[in-house]
């Protein structure tokens, strides 16, 4: 039997905390704050999201990919159906390079490496996922950038894009992400310290390779 995990009420940050990083006739890049849904959730109370804010701000935007509500960082949206199709295919074919940073409890051993652990699409408790040998392939490359006391700052480059992949993979190597209310420890941190820092892809119109960067939230600096 599959049950749903009790979740806190949705209390998103204000619209102006979603920063527009780049806009042209084909795409919009934005820096999503932690606590904001990428796309509308179930029920009218969850209609407020990155898509709704950007559509109000710039005209209709179309979804290409998602970030977990708790994850902050860079997202790309399309402004035309053609751009949406081309970008979605690039994500599907693993032609989009993504870099995240995370602050974790403990120190990864080894300091740099690759985590290759499959993830099940469904868990007995929604929205959780779990490592499962019969699950879908999930690969994450990581590098330790800095350590400070009982914390470490990691750079993460996922090869695949499974739900909760980075959170599960870091838990699996005994370095849960600070503030992870699903897979971490009760550390009292109000934010998940996981941030999508860069996206690199070919522009859907010009086909030129471009890289975009989103500044880390200030609360990262309070830890490391």
N, C-alpha and C. Protein backbone atom coordinates (compact mmCIF):
# COMPACT_ATOMS: atom_id res chain seq x y z
N UNK A 1 0.84 -1.20 0.00
CA UNK A 1 0.00 0.00 0.00
C UNK A 1 0.87 1.25 0.00
N UNK A 2 0.58 2.19 -0.89
CA UNK A 2 1.34 3.43 -0.98
C UNK A 2 0.58 4.52 -0.26
N UNK A 3 1.25 5.21 0.65
CA UNK A 3 0.64 6.31 1.38
C UNK A 3 1.42 7.59 1.09
N UNK A 4 0.84 8.72 1.47
CA UNK A 4 1.50 10.00 1.28
C UNK A 4 2.12 10.47 2.58
N UNK A 5 3.32 10.99 2.49
CA UNK A 5 4.00 11.53 3.66
C UNK A 5 3.36 12.86 4.04
N UNK A 6 3.03 13.08 5.31
CA UNK A 6 2.46 14.37 5.71
C UNK A 6 3.42 15.51 5.39
N UNK A 7 2.93 16.54 4.72
CA UNK A 7 3.77 17.66 4.33
C UNK A 7 3.30 18.93 5.00
N UNK A 8 4.24 19.88 5.16
CA UNK A 8 3.89 21.17 5.72
C UNK A 8 3.05 21.96 4.73
N UNK A 9 2.25 22.92 5.21
CA UNK A 9 1.49 23.78 4.29
C UNK A 9 2.42 24.51 3.34
N UNK A 10 1.94 24.75 2.14
CA UNK A 10 2.73 25.45 1.13
C UNK A 10 2.75 26.94 1.43
N UNK A 11 3.92 27.43 1.79
CA UNK A 11 4.09 28.86 2.08
C UNK A 11 5.25 29.38 1.24
N UNK A 12 4.99 29.66 -0.03
CA UNK A 12 6.07 30.05 -0.94
C UNK A 12 6.62 31.44 -0.64
N UNK A 13 7.85 31.70 -1.05
CA UNK A 13 8.40 33.05 -0.90
C UNK A 13 7.71 34.01 -1.88
N UNK A 14 7.97 35.29 -1.72
CA UNK A 14 7.34 36.31 -2.56
C UNK A 14 7.83 36.20 -4.01
N UNK A 15 7.01 36.70 -4.93
CA UNK A 15 7.32 36.59 -6.35
C UNK A 15 8.64 37.25 -6.72
N UNK A 16 8.98 38.36 -6.04
CA UNK A 16 10.20 39.07 -6.44
C UNK A 16 11.48 38.37 -6.01
N UNK A 17 11.35 37.25 -5.28
CA UNK A 17 12.55 36.46 -4.96
C UNK A 17 12.94 35.55 -6.11
N UNK A 18 12.09 35.43 -7.12
CA UNK A 18 12.42 34.67 -8.33
C UNK A 18 13.08 35.65 -9.30
N UNK A 19 14.38 35.48 -9.52
CA UNK A 19 15.15 36.43 -10.33
C UNK A 19 15.20 35.98 -11.79
N UNK A 20 14.87 36.88 -12.69
CA UNK A 20 15.06 36.62 -14.12
C UNK A 20 16.52 36.88 -14.46
N UNK A 21 17.20 35.87 -14.99
CA UNK A 21 18.63 35.98 -15.30
C UNK A 21 18.89 36.35 -16.76
N UNK A 22 18.02 35.86 -17.64
CA UNK A 22 18.21 36.09 -19.08
C UNK A 22 16.86 35.91 -19.77
N UNK A 23 16.61 36.75 -20.77
CA UNK A 23 15.39 36.59 -21.57
C UNK A 23 15.69 36.99 -23.00
N UNK A 24 15.18 36.21 -23.95
CA UNK A 24 15.21 36.58 -25.36
C UNK A 24 13.90 36.08 -25.99
N UNK A 25 13.83 36.04 -27.28
CA UNK A 25 12.57 35.66 -27.94
C UNK A 25 12.24 34.18 -27.79
N UNK A 26 13.19 33.38 -27.30
CA UNK A 26 13.01 31.93 -27.31
C UNK A 26 13.04 31.30 -25.91
N UNK A 27 13.81 31.87 -24.99
CA UNK A 27 13.99 31.25 -23.68
C UNK A 27 13.99 32.31 -22.57
N UNK A 28 13.73 31.84 -21.35
CA UNK A 28 13.89 32.62 -20.13
C UNK A 28 14.70 31.78 -19.15
N UNK A 29 15.71 32.36 -18.55
CA UNK A 29 16.46 31.71 -17.48
C UNK A 29 16.13 32.42 -16.17
N UNK A 30 15.90 31.65 -15.12
CA UNK A 30 15.54 32.23 -13.84
C UNK A 30 16.27 31.52 -12.70
N UNK A 31 16.45 32.23 -11.60
CA UNK A 31 17.04 31.68 -10.39
C UNK A 31 15.90 31.48 -9.38
N UNK A 32 15.48 30.21 -9.21
CA UNK A 32 14.33 29.88 -8.35
C UNK A 32 14.75 29.81 -6.89
N UNK A 33 14.02 30.47 -6.00
CA UNK A 33 14.33 30.34 -4.57
C UNK A 33 13.83 29.02 -4.01
N UNK A 34 14.47 28.58 -2.94
CA UNK A 34 13.98 27.41 -2.21
C UNK A 34 12.59 27.70 -1.66
N UNK A 35 11.72 26.70 -1.71
CA UNK A 35 10.37 26.85 -1.18
C UNK A 35 9.33 27.18 -2.22
N UNK A 36 9.75 27.43 -3.45
CA UNK A 36 8.81 27.75 -4.53
C UNK A 36 8.68 26.57 -5.48
N UNK A 37 7.46 26.17 -5.78
CA UNK A 37 7.23 25.12 -6.76
C UNK A 37 7.69 25.58 -8.15
N UNK A 38 8.22 24.65 -8.93
CA UNK A 38 8.60 24.97 -10.31
C UNK A 38 7.37 25.11 -11.19
N UNK A 39 6.42 24.20 -11.01
CA UNK A 39 5.19 24.17 -11.80
C UNK A 39 4.02 24.06 -10.83
N UNK A 40 2.78 24.31 -11.28
CA UNK A 40 1.64 24.22 -10.35
C UNK A 40 1.52 22.84 -9.72
N UNK A 41 1.18 22.82 -8.44
CA UNK A 41 0.92 21.57 -7.75
C UNK A 41 -0.56 21.26 -7.76
N UNK A 42 -0.94 20.26 -7.00
CA UNK A 42 -2.36 19.88 -6.93
C UNK A 42 -3.11 20.84 -6.03
N UNK A 43 -4.23 21.35 -6.54
CA UNK A 43 -5.06 22.25 -5.75
C UNK A 43 -4.75 23.71 -6.06
N UNK A 44 -5.76 24.58 -5.92
CA UNK A 44 -5.59 25.99 -6.26
C UNK A 44 -4.57 26.70 -5.38
N UNK A 45 -4.36 26.21 -4.17
CA UNK A 45 -3.41 26.84 -3.26
C UNK A 45 -1.96 26.65 -3.73
N UNK A 46 -1.77 25.73 -4.71
CA UNK A 46 -0.42 25.49 -5.22
C UNK A 46 -0.26 25.93 -6.68
N UNK A 47 -1.12 26.87 -7.09
CA UNK A 47 -1.01 27.40 -8.46
C UNK A 47 0.14 28.41 -8.59
N UNK A 48 0.51 29.01 -7.47
CA UNK A 48 1.59 30.00 -7.46
C UNK A 48 2.93 29.28 -7.55
N UNK A 49 3.68 29.55 -8.61
CA UNK A 49 4.91 28.79 -8.87
C UNK A 49 5.79 29.60 -9.81
N UNK A 50 6.96 29.04 -10.15
CA UNK A 50 7.88 29.72 -11.06
C UNK A 50 7.23 30.01 -12.41
N UNK A 51 6.49 29.03 -12.95
CA UNK A 51 5.83 29.23 -14.25
C UNK A 51 4.82 30.36 -14.19
N UNK A 52 4.01 30.40 -13.13
CA UNK A 52 2.98 31.45 -13.04
C UNK A 52 3.60 32.83 -12.87
N UNK A 53 4.66 32.92 -12.08
CA UNK A 53 5.32 34.22 -11.87
C UNK A 53 5.94 34.73 -13.16
N UNK A 54 6.67 33.85 -13.84
CA UNK A 54 7.36 34.28 -15.06
C UNK A 54 6.37 34.58 -16.19
N UNK A 55 5.27 33.83 -16.24
CA UNK A 55 4.25 34.09 -17.26
C UNK A 55 3.58 35.44 -17.02
N UNK A 56 3.38 35.79 -15.77
CA UNK A 56 2.83 37.10 -15.42
C UNK A 56 3.83 38.21 -15.77
N UNK A 57 5.09 37.91 -15.58
CA UNK A 57 6.14 38.91 -15.75
C UNK A 57 6.54 39.12 -17.21
N UNK A 58 6.59 38.03 -17.98
CA UNK A 58 7.17 38.09 -19.34
C UNK A 58 6.24 37.58 -20.44
N UNK A 59 5.01 37.22 -20.13
CA UNK A 59 4.18 36.52 -21.10
C UNK A 59 4.37 35.02 -20.92
N UNK A 60 3.55 34.23 -21.56
CA UNK A 60 3.53 32.77 -21.33
C UNK A 60 4.91 32.14 -21.47
N UNK A 61 5.28 31.35 -20.46
CA UNK A 61 6.49 30.52 -20.54
C UNK A 61 6.08 29.06 -20.46
N UNK A 62 6.88 28.19 -21.07
CA UNK A 62 6.58 26.77 -21.15
C UNK A 62 7.62 25.96 -20.39
N UNK A 63 7.16 24.94 -19.71
CA UNK A 63 8.05 24.13 -18.87
C UNK A 63 8.97 23.25 -19.71
N UNK A 64 10.23 23.20 -19.31
CA UNK A 64 11.22 22.34 -19.96
C UNK A 64 11.71 21.27 -18.99
N UNK A 65 12.00 21.66 -17.76
CA UNK A 65 12.47 20.73 -16.72
C UNK A 65 12.00 21.27 -15.39
N UNK A 66 12.33 20.60 -14.31
CA UNK A 66 11.87 21.01 -12.99
C UNK A 66 13.01 20.93 -11.98
N UNK A 67 12.87 21.71 -10.92
CA UNK A 67 13.67 21.55 -9.71
C UNK A 67 12.71 21.23 -8.57
N UNK A 68 13.15 20.41 -7.62
CA UNK A 68 12.35 20.17 -6.42
C UNK A 68 11.99 21.51 -5.77
N UNK A 69 10.86 21.54 -5.10
CA UNK A 69 10.44 22.76 -4.43
C UNK A 69 11.53 23.26 -3.47
N UNK A 70 12.19 22.35 -2.76
CA UNK A 70 13.18 22.75 -1.75
C UNK A 70 14.51 23.16 -2.36
N UNK A 71 14.75 22.82 -3.61
CA UNK A 71 16.02 23.13 -4.27
C UNK A 71 15.96 24.51 -4.90
N UNK A 72 17.01 25.29 -4.71
CA UNK A 72 17.10 26.60 -5.34
C UNK A 72 17.95 26.48 -6.60
N UNK A 73 17.88 27.53 -7.44
CA UNK A 73 18.83 27.58 -8.54
C UNK A 73 18.25 27.79 -9.91
N UNK A 74 19.10 27.57 -10.89
CA UNK A 74 18.83 27.97 -12.26
C UNK A 74 17.88 27.02 -12.98
N UNK A 75 16.95 27.63 -13.71
CA UNK A 75 16.00 26.89 -14.53
C UNK A 75 15.88 27.59 -15.88
N UNK A 76 15.62 26.81 -16.92
CA UNK A 76 15.36 27.37 -18.24
C UNK A 76 13.91 27.07 -18.61
N UNK A 77 13.24 28.06 -19.18
CA UNK A 77 11.87 27.93 -19.66
C UNK A 77 11.85 28.35 -21.12
N UNK A 78 10.90 27.81 -21.88
CA UNK A 78 10.77 28.15 -23.29
C UNK A 78 9.69 29.20 -23.49
N UNK A 79 9.83 29.97 -24.55
CA UNK A 79 8.82 30.97 -24.89
C UNK A 79 8.05 30.59 -26.16
N UNK A 80 8.49 29.51 -26.81
CA UNK A 80 7.79 29.00 -28.00
C UNK A 80 7.73 27.49 -27.90
N UNK A 81 6.77 26.89 -28.61
CA UNK A 81 6.65 25.44 -28.63
C UNK A 81 7.89 24.79 -29.24
N UNK A 82 8.45 25.42 -30.28
CA UNK A 82 9.64 24.87 -30.92
C UNK A 82 10.83 24.85 -29.97
N UNK A 83 11.02 25.96 -29.23
CA UNK A 83 12.11 26.01 -28.26
C UNK A 83 11.90 24.97 -27.16
N UNK A 84 10.66 24.81 -26.71
CA UNK A 84 10.36 23.82 -25.67
C UNK A 84 10.71 22.42 -26.16
N UNK A 85 10.34 22.09 -27.38
CA UNK A 85 10.61 20.76 -27.93
C UNK A 85 12.10 20.50 -28.03
N UNK A 86 12.85 21.49 -28.53
CA UNK A 86 14.29 21.30 -28.71
C UNK A 86 15.03 21.19 -27.38
N UNK A 87 14.63 22.00 -26.41
CA UNK A 87 15.28 21.93 -25.11
C UNK A 87 14.92 20.64 -24.37
N UNK A 88 13.66 20.23 -24.45
CA UNK A 88 13.25 18.99 -23.79
C UNK A 88 14.02 17.80 -24.35
N UNK A 89 14.23 17.80 -25.67
CA UNK A 89 15.01 16.71 -26.28
C UNK A 89 16.45 16.74 -25.82
N UNK A 90 17.01 17.95 -25.67
CA UNK A 90 18.40 18.07 -25.19
C UNK A 90 18.54 17.50 -23.78
N UNK A 91 17.57 17.79 -22.90
CA UNK A 91 17.60 17.21 -21.56
C UNK A 91 17.47 15.69 -21.64
N UNK A 92 16.55 15.22 -22.44
CA UNK A 92 16.31 13.78 -22.57
C UNK A 92 17.55 13.05 -23.08
N UNK A 93 18.26 13.67 -24.01
CA UNK A 93 19.44 13.05 -24.61
C UNK A 93 20.72 13.32 -23.83
N UNK A 94 20.61 13.94 -22.67
CA UNK A 94 21.75 14.23 -21.78
C UNK A 94 22.76 15.16 -22.45
N UNK A 95 22.26 16.13 -23.21
CA UNK A 95 23.13 17.11 -23.85
C UNK A 95 23.13 18.44 -23.11
N UNK A 96 22.52 18.46 -21.92
CA UNK A 96 22.53 19.64 -21.06
C UNK A 96 23.45 19.35 -19.88
N UNK A 97 24.45 20.19 -19.68
CA UNK A 97 25.38 20.02 -18.56
C UNK A 97 24.85 20.80 -17.36
N UNK A 98 24.70 20.11 -16.24
CA UNK A 98 24.15 20.73 -15.03
C UNK A 98 25.15 20.62 -13.90
N UNK A 99 25.34 21.70 -13.18
CA UNK A 99 26.22 21.70 -12.01
C UNK A 99 25.44 22.22 -10.81
N UNK A 100 25.51 21.46 -9.72
CA UNK A 100 24.89 21.85 -8.46
C UNK A 100 25.97 22.00 -7.40
N UNK A 101 25.64 22.71 -6.34
CA UNK A 101 26.47 22.71 -5.14
C UNK A 101 25.59 22.33 -3.97
N UNK A 102 26.18 21.65 -3.01
CA UNK A 102 25.44 21.23 -1.81
C UNK A 102 26.36 21.30 -0.61
N UNK A 103 25.81 21.68 0.53
CA UNK A 103 26.53 21.58 1.79
C UNK A 103 25.98 20.37 2.52
N UNK A 104 26.88 19.49 2.94
CA UNK A 104 26.47 18.22 3.53
C UNK A 104 27.05 18.05 4.92
N UNK A 105 26.42 17.16 5.67
CA UNK A 105 26.97 16.73 6.95
C UNK A 105 28.04 15.68 6.69
N UNK A 106 29.21 15.83 7.30
CA UNK A 106 30.25 14.84 7.14
C UNK A 106 31.14 15.12 5.95
N UNK A 107 32.01 14.16 5.66
CA UNK A 107 32.97 14.28 4.56
C UNK A 107 32.84 13.07 3.65
N UNK A 108 32.71 13.34 2.36
CA UNK A 108 32.57 12.24 1.40
C UNK A 108 33.86 11.43 1.33
N UNK A 109 33.71 10.11 1.26
CA UNK A 109 34.87 9.22 1.13
C UNK A 109 34.62 8.26 -0.03
N UNK A 110 35.45 8.37 -1.10
CA UNK A 110 36.55 9.31 -1.28
C UNK A 110 36.05 10.74 -1.46
N UNK A 111 36.98 11.70 -1.46
CA UNK A 111 36.60 13.10 -1.56
C UNK A 111 35.94 13.42 -2.89
N UNK A 112 36.37 12.73 -3.95
CA UNK A 112 35.81 12.92 -5.29
C UNK A 112 35.45 11.56 -5.85
N UNK A 113 34.36 11.49 -6.58
CA UNK A 113 33.99 10.18 -7.13
C UNK A 113 32.69 10.22 -7.90
N UNK A 114 32.18 9.02 -8.17
CA UNK A 114 30.92 8.86 -8.90
C UNK A 114 30.01 7.92 -8.13
N UNK A 115 28.76 8.30 -8.00
CA UNK A 115 27.75 7.46 -7.36
C UNK A 115 26.85 6.92 -8.45
N UNK A 116 26.79 5.61 -8.55
CA UNK A 116 25.97 4.95 -9.57
C UNK A 116 25.03 3.99 -8.85
N UNK A 117 23.88 4.52 -8.44
CA UNK A 117 22.90 3.74 -7.69
C UNK A 117 21.52 3.99 -8.29
N UNK A 118 20.84 2.95 -8.75
CA UNK A 118 19.53 3.12 -9.37
C UNK A 118 18.47 3.55 -8.36
N UNK A 119 17.48 4.29 -8.84
CA UNK A 119 16.44 4.84 -7.98
C UNK A 119 15.07 4.36 -8.45
N UNK A 120 14.27 3.91 -7.48
CA UNK A 120 12.92 3.43 -7.79
C UNK A 120 12.01 4.62 -8.07
N UNK A 121 11.13 4.44 -9.04
CA UNK A 121 10.21 5.52 -9.43
C UNK A 121 9.17 5.79 -8.36
N UNK A 122 8.80 4.77 -7.60
CA UNK A 122 7.79 4.93 -6.56
C UNK A 122 8.29 4.35 -5.24
N UNK A 123 7.89 4.97 -4.17
CA UNK A 123 8.20 4.47 -2.84
C UNK A 123 6.89 4.15 -2.13
N UNK A 124 6.97 3.52 -0.98
CA UNK A 124 5.77 3.23 -0.21
C UNK A 124 5.20 4.51 0.40
N UNK A 125 5.99 5.57 0.42
CA UNK A 125 5.52 6.86 0.94
C UNK A 125 5.82 7.94 -0.09
N UNK A 126 4.78 8.50 -0.73
CA UNK A 126 4.97 9.63 -1.62
C UNK A 126 5.30 10.87 -0.80
N UNK A 127 6.17 11.78 -1.27
CA UNK A 127 6.86 11.76 -2.57
C UNK A 127 8.25 11.15 -2.52
N UNK A 128 8.52 10.33 -1.48
CA UNK A 128 9.86 9.77 -1.32
C UNK A 128 10.21 8.78 -2.42
N UNK A 129 11.49 8.66 -2.67
CA UNK A 129 12.05 7.66 -3.58
C UNK A 129 13.03 6.82 -2.78
N UNK A 130 13.54 5.76 -3.36
CA UNK A 130 14.54 4.98 -2.65
C UNK A 130 15.49 4.30 -3.63
N UNK A 131 16.68 3.99 -3.12
CA UNK A 131 17.65 3.24 -3.91
C UNK A 131 17.13 1.82 -4.08
N UNK A 132 17.16 1.33 -5.33
CA UNK A 132 16.59 0.01 -5.62
C UNK A 132 17.36 -0.59 -6.80
N UNK A 133 17.92 -1.79 -6.64
CA UNK A 133 18.66 -2.40 -7.75
C UNK A 133 17.82 -2.59 -9.01
N UNK A 134 16.50 -2.62 -8.84
CA UNK A 134 15.61 -2.76 -9.99
C UNK A 134 15.08 -1.41 -10.48
N UNK A 135 15.58 -0.32 -9.90
CA UNK A 135 15.12 1.00 -10.29
C UNK A 135 15.79 1.50 -11.56
N UNK A 136 15.58 2.78 -11.87
CA UNK A 136 16.13 3.39 -13.07
C UNK A 136 17.55 3.87 -12.82
N UNK A 137 18.37 3.80 -13.84
CA UNK A 137 19.77 4.21 -13.73
C UNK A 137 19.87 5.66 -13.22
N UNK A 138 20.78 5.88 -12.28
CA UNK A 138 21.01 7.22 -11.74
C UNK A 138 22.50 7.37 -11.45
N UNK A 139 23.12 8.39 -12.05
CA UNK A 139 24.57 8.58 -11.94
C UNK A 139 24.85 10.03 -11.54
N UNK A 140 25.67 10.19 -10.50
CA UNK A 140 26.07 11.50 -10.03
C UNK A 140 27.59 11.54 -9.85
N UNK A 141 28.24 12.53 -10.43
CA UNK A 141 29.66 12.78 -10.21
C UNK A 141 29.79 13.88 -9.16
N UNK A 142 30.69 13.72 -8.21
CA UNK A 142 30.83 14.73 -7.16
C UNK A 142 32.30 15.05 -6.90
N UNK A 143 32.51 16.25 -6.39
CA UNK A 143 33.85 16.71 -6.04
C UNK A 143 33.75 17.55 -4.77
N UNK A 144 34.62 17.29 -3.81
CA UNK A 144 34.65 18.08 -2.58
C UNK A 144 35.41 19.38 -2.84
N UNK A 145 34.73 20.49 -2.62
CA UNK A 145 35.35 21.80 -2.85
C UNK A 145 35.97 22.37 -1.59
N UNK A 146 35.35 22.07 -0.44
CA UNK A 146 35.81 22.68 0.81
C UNK A 146 35.24 21.89 1.98
N UNK A 147 35.97 21.86 3.07
CA UNK A 147 35.46 21.29 4.32
C UNK A 147 35.62 22.31 5.43
N UNK A 148 34.68 22.28 6.37
CA UNK A 148 34.74 23.19 7.51
C UNK A 148 34.03 22.53 8.68
N UNK A 149 34.81 22.14 9.68
CA UNK A 149 34.23 21.45 10.83
C UNK A 149 33.54 20.17 10.39
N UNK A 150 32.26 20.04 10.71
CA UNK A 150 31.52 18.82 10.38
C UNK A 150 30.77 18.94 9.06
N UNK A 151 31.08 19.99 8.27
CA UNK A 151 30.39 20.20 7.00
C UNK A 151 31.37 20.14 5.83
N UNK A 152 30.81 19.87 4.66
CA UNK A 152 31.60 19.90 3.43
C UNK A 152 30.76 20.52 2.31
N UNK A 153 31.43 21.25 1.43
CA UNK A 153 30.79 21.82 0.25
C UNK A 153 31.16 20.96 -0.94
N UNK A 154 30.15 20.43 -1.62
CA UNK A 154 30.37 19.54 -2.75
C UNK A 154 29.86 20.17 -4.04
N UNK A 155 30.56 19.89 -5.13
CA UNK A 155 30.06 20.20 -6.47
C UNK A 155 29.52 18.90 -7.06
N UNK A 156 28.33 18.97 -7.63
CA UNK A 156 27.64 17.77 -8.13
C UNK A 156 27.31 17.94 -9.60
N UNK A 157 27.60 16.90 -10.37
CA UNK A 157 27.28 16.92 -11.79
C UNK A 157 26.48 15.66 -12.13
N UNK A 158 25.16 15.76 -12.07
CA UNK A 158 24.34 14.58 -12.37
C UNK A 158 24.34 14.26 -13.86
N UNK A 159 24.51 12.99 -14.17
CA UNK A 159 24.43 12.54 -15.55
C UNK A 159 22.99 12.25 -15.94
N UNK A 160 22.21 11.84 -14.94
CA UNK A 160 20.80 11.55 -15.12
C UNK A 160 19.98 12.54 -14.29
N UNK A 161 18.68 12.53 -14.45
CA UNK A 161 17.85 13.51 -13.75
C UNK A 161 16.67 12.89 -13.04
N UNK A 162 16.95 11.92 -12.19
CA UNK A 162 15.86 11.26 -11.45
C UNK A 162 15.35 12.16 -10.31
N UNK A 163 14.11 11.99 -9.95
CA UNK A 163 13.55 12.71 -8.81
C UNK A 163 14.33 12.40 -7.55
N UNK A 164 14.74 13.46 -6.84
CA UNK A 164 15.45 13.34 -5.56
C UNK A 164 16.80 12.64 -5.71
N UNK A 165 17.34 12.60 -6.92
CA UNK A 165 18.58 11.86 -7.16
C UNK A 165 19.73 12.33 -6.28
N UNK A 166 20.00 13.62 -6.24
CA UNK A 166 21.15 14.12 -5.49
C UNK A 166 20.94 13.91 -3.99
N UNK A 167 19.73 14.11 -3.53
CA UNK A 167 19.44 13.94 -2.11
C UNK A 167 19.65 12.48 -1.70
N UNK A 168 19.15 11.56 -2.50
CA UNK A 168 19.29 10.13 -2.20
C UNK A 168 20.74 9.66 -2.32
N UNK A 169 21.41 10.09 -3.37
CA UNK A 169 22.79 9.65 -3.57
C UNK A 169 23.71 10.13 -2.46
N UNK A 170 23.52 11.37 -2.00
CA UNK A 170 24.39 11.86 -0.93
C UNK A 170 24.06 11.19 0.40
N UNK A 171 22.80 10.89 0.62
CA UNK A 171 22.45 10.11 1.81
C UNK A 171 23.11 8.74 1.76
N UNK A 172 23.16 8.14 0.56
CA UNK A 172 23.70 6.79 0.41
C UNK A 172 25.18 6.70 0.73
N UNK A 173 25.91 7.82 0.60
CA UNK A 173 27.34 7.79 0.94
C UNK A 173 27.58 8.46 2.30
N UNK A 174 26.52 8.52 3.12
CA UNK A 174 26.59 8.99 4.51
C UNK A 174 26.95 10.46 4.62
N UNK A 175 26.56 11.26 3.61
CA UNK A 175 26.73 12.71 3.69
C UNK A 175 25.42 13.39 3.30
N UNK A 176 24.40 13.29 4.16
CA UNK A 176 23.11 13.90 3.83
C UNK A 176 23.22 15.41 3.70
N UNK A 177 22.39 15.98 2.85
CA UNK A 177 22.42 17.42 2.63
C UNK A 177 21.83 18.15 3.83
N UNK A 178 22.47 19.23 4.22
CA UNK A 178 21.98 20.05 5.32
C UNK A 178 20.58 20.58 4.96
N UNK A 179 19.66 20.45 5.90
CA UNK A 179 18.30 20.94 5.70
C UNK A 179 17.40 20.01 4.92
N UNK A 180 17.83 18.77 4.67
CA UNK A 180 17.01 17.83 3.89
C UNK A 180 15.96 17.19 4.80
N UNK A 181 14.73 17.65 4.67
CA UNK A 181 13.65 17.19 5.55
C UNK A 181 13.16 15.80 5.18
N UNK A 182 13.50 15.31 3.98
CA UNK A 182 13.07 13.98 3.56
C UNK A 182 14.10 12.90 3.89
N UNK A 183 15.36 13.14 3.58
CA UNK A 183 16.37 12.09 3.67
C UNK A 183 17.50 12.43 4.64
N UNK A 184 17.47 13.63 5.22
CA UNK A 184 18.57 14.04 6.08
C UNK A 184 18.27 13.82 7.55
N UNK A 185 18.92 14.62 8.35
CA UNK A 185 18.73 14.53 9.79
C UNK A 185 18.01 15.80 10.26
N UNK A 186 17.45 15.75 11.44
CA UNK A 186 16.72 16.89 11.98
C UNK A 186 17.74 17.91 12.49
N UNK A 187 18.25 18.76 11.58
CA UNK A 187 19.31 19.69 11.95
C UNK A 187 18.80 21.10 12.18
N UNK A 188 17.50 21.33 12.02
CA UNK A 188 16.92 22.63 12.30
C UNK A 188 17.16 23.68 11.24
N UNK A 189 17.83 23.33 10.15
CA UNK A 189 18.07 24.31 9.10
C UNK A 189 16.80 24.51 8.28
N UNK A 190 16.34 25.74 8.08
CA UNK A 190 15.07 25.97 7.38
C UNK A 190 15.16 25.80 5.86
N UNK A 191 16.37 25.73 5.31
CA UNK A 191 16.54 25.60 3.87
C UNK A 191 17.31 24.33 3.52
N UNK A 192 16.94 23.73 2.41
CA UNK A 192 17.75 22.65 1.83
C UNK A 192 18.95 23.30 1.17
N UNK A 193 20.15 22.92 1.57
CA UNK A 193 21.36 23.55 1.03
C UNK A 193 21.83 22.82 -0.23
N UNK A 194 20.95 22.87 -1.22
CA UNK A 194 21.20 22.30 -2.54
C UNK A 194 20.80 23.34 -3.57
N UNK A 195 21.76 23.71 -4.43
CA UNK A 195 21.54 24.81 -5.36
C UNK A 195 22.02 24.43 -6.76
N UNK A 196 21.14 24.61 -7.74
CA UNK A 196 21.50 24.39 -9.15
C UNK A 196 22.24 25.63 -9.63
N UNK A 197 23.55 25.50 -9.85
CA UNK A 197 24.39 26.68 -10.06
C UNK A 197 24.59 27.04 -11.54
N UNK A 198 24.74 26.04 -12.40
CA UNK A 198 24.95 26.35 -13.82
C UNK A 198 24.16 25.41 -14.72
N UNK A 199 23.81 25.93 -15.89
CA UNK A 199 23.23 25.15 -16.98
C UNK A 199 23.99 25.49 -18.24
N UNK A 200 24.36 24.49 -19.01
CA UNK A 200 25.05 24.70 -20.28
C UNK A 200 24.36 23.88 -21.35
N UNK A 201 23.94 24.55 -22.44
CA UNK A 201 23.20 23.87 -23.50
C UNK A 201 23.30 24.69 -24.79
N UNK A 202 22.89 24.08 -25.88
CA UNK A 202 22.85 24.79 -27.16
C UNK A 202 21.54 25.57 -27.25
N UNK A 203 21.65 26.85 -27.58
CA UNK A 203 20.47 27.70 -27.68
C UNK A 203 19.53 27.12 -28.73
N UNK A 204 18.22 27.00 -28.43
CA UNK A 204 17.30 26.33 -29.35
C UNK A 204 17.12 27.05 -30.69
N UNK A 205 17.53 28.30 -30.79
CA UNK A 205 17.42 29.01 -32.06
C UNK A 205 18.77 29.12 -32.77
N UNK A 206 19.79 29.64 -32.09
CA UNK A 206 21.10 29.85 -32.72
C UNK A 206 21.96 28.60 -32.76
N UNK A 207 21.66 27.62 -31.90
CA UNK A 207 22.43 26.38 -31.75
C UNK A 207 23.82 26.62 -31.16
N UNK A 208 24.08 27.81 -30.65
CA UNK A 208 25.36 28.10 -30.02
C UNK A 208 25.34 27.60 -28.58
N UNK A 209 26.48 27.02 -28.15
CA UNK A 209 26.59 26.53 -26.78
C UNK A 209 26.68 27.72 -25.84
N UNK A 210 25.83 27.75 -24.82
CA UNK A 210 25.80 28.85 -23.87
C UNK A 210 25.73 28.30 -22.46
N UNK A 211 26.36 29.01 -21.54
CA UNK A 211 26.36 28.62 -20.13
C UNK A 211 25.80 29.76 -19.29
N UNK A 212 24.89 29.43 -18.39
CA UNK A 212 24.25 30.41 -17.53
C UNK A 212 24.51 30.03 -16.07
N UNK A 213 24.61 31.05 -15.22
CA UNK A 213 25.00 30.86 -13.82
C UNK A 213 24.00 31.54 -12.90
N UNK A 214 23.68 30.88 -11.78
CA UNK A 214 22.79 31.46 -10.76
C UNK A 214 23.55 31.57 -9.45
N UNK A 215 23.54 32.77 -8.89
CA UNK A 215 24.23 33.03 -7.61
C UNK A 215 23.65 32.16 -6.51
N UNK A 216 24.53 31.65 -5.63
CA UNK A 216 24.07 30.86 -4.48
C UNK A 216 23.34 31.75 -3.48
N UNK A 217 22.35 31.20 -2.79
CA UNK A 217 21.66 31.97 -1.74
C UNK A 217 22.63 32.39 -0.63
N UNK A 218 22.34 33.48 0.02
CA UNK A 218 23.22 34.00 1.06
C UNK A 218 23.35 33.05 2.24
N UNK A 219 22.32 32.22 2.49
CA UNK A 219 22.40 31.33 3.64
C UNK A 219 23.43 30.22 3.47
N UNK A 220 23.93 29.99 2.27
CA UNK A 220 25.06 29.06 2.10
C UNK A 220 26.29 29.58 2.83
N UNK A 221 26.52 30.89 2.76
CA UNK A 221 27.73 31.48 3.36
C UNK A 221 27.69 31.42 4.88
N UNK A 222 26.52 31.25 5.44
CA UNK A 222 26.41 31.17 6.88
C UNK A 222 26.92 29.83 7.43
N UNK A 223 27.04 28.84 6.54
CA UNK A 223 27.49 27.50 6.96
C UNK A 223 28.94 27.27 6.55
N UNK A 224 29.24 27.55 5.27
CA UNK A 224 30.63 27.45 4.76
C UNK A 224 30.92 28.69 3.94
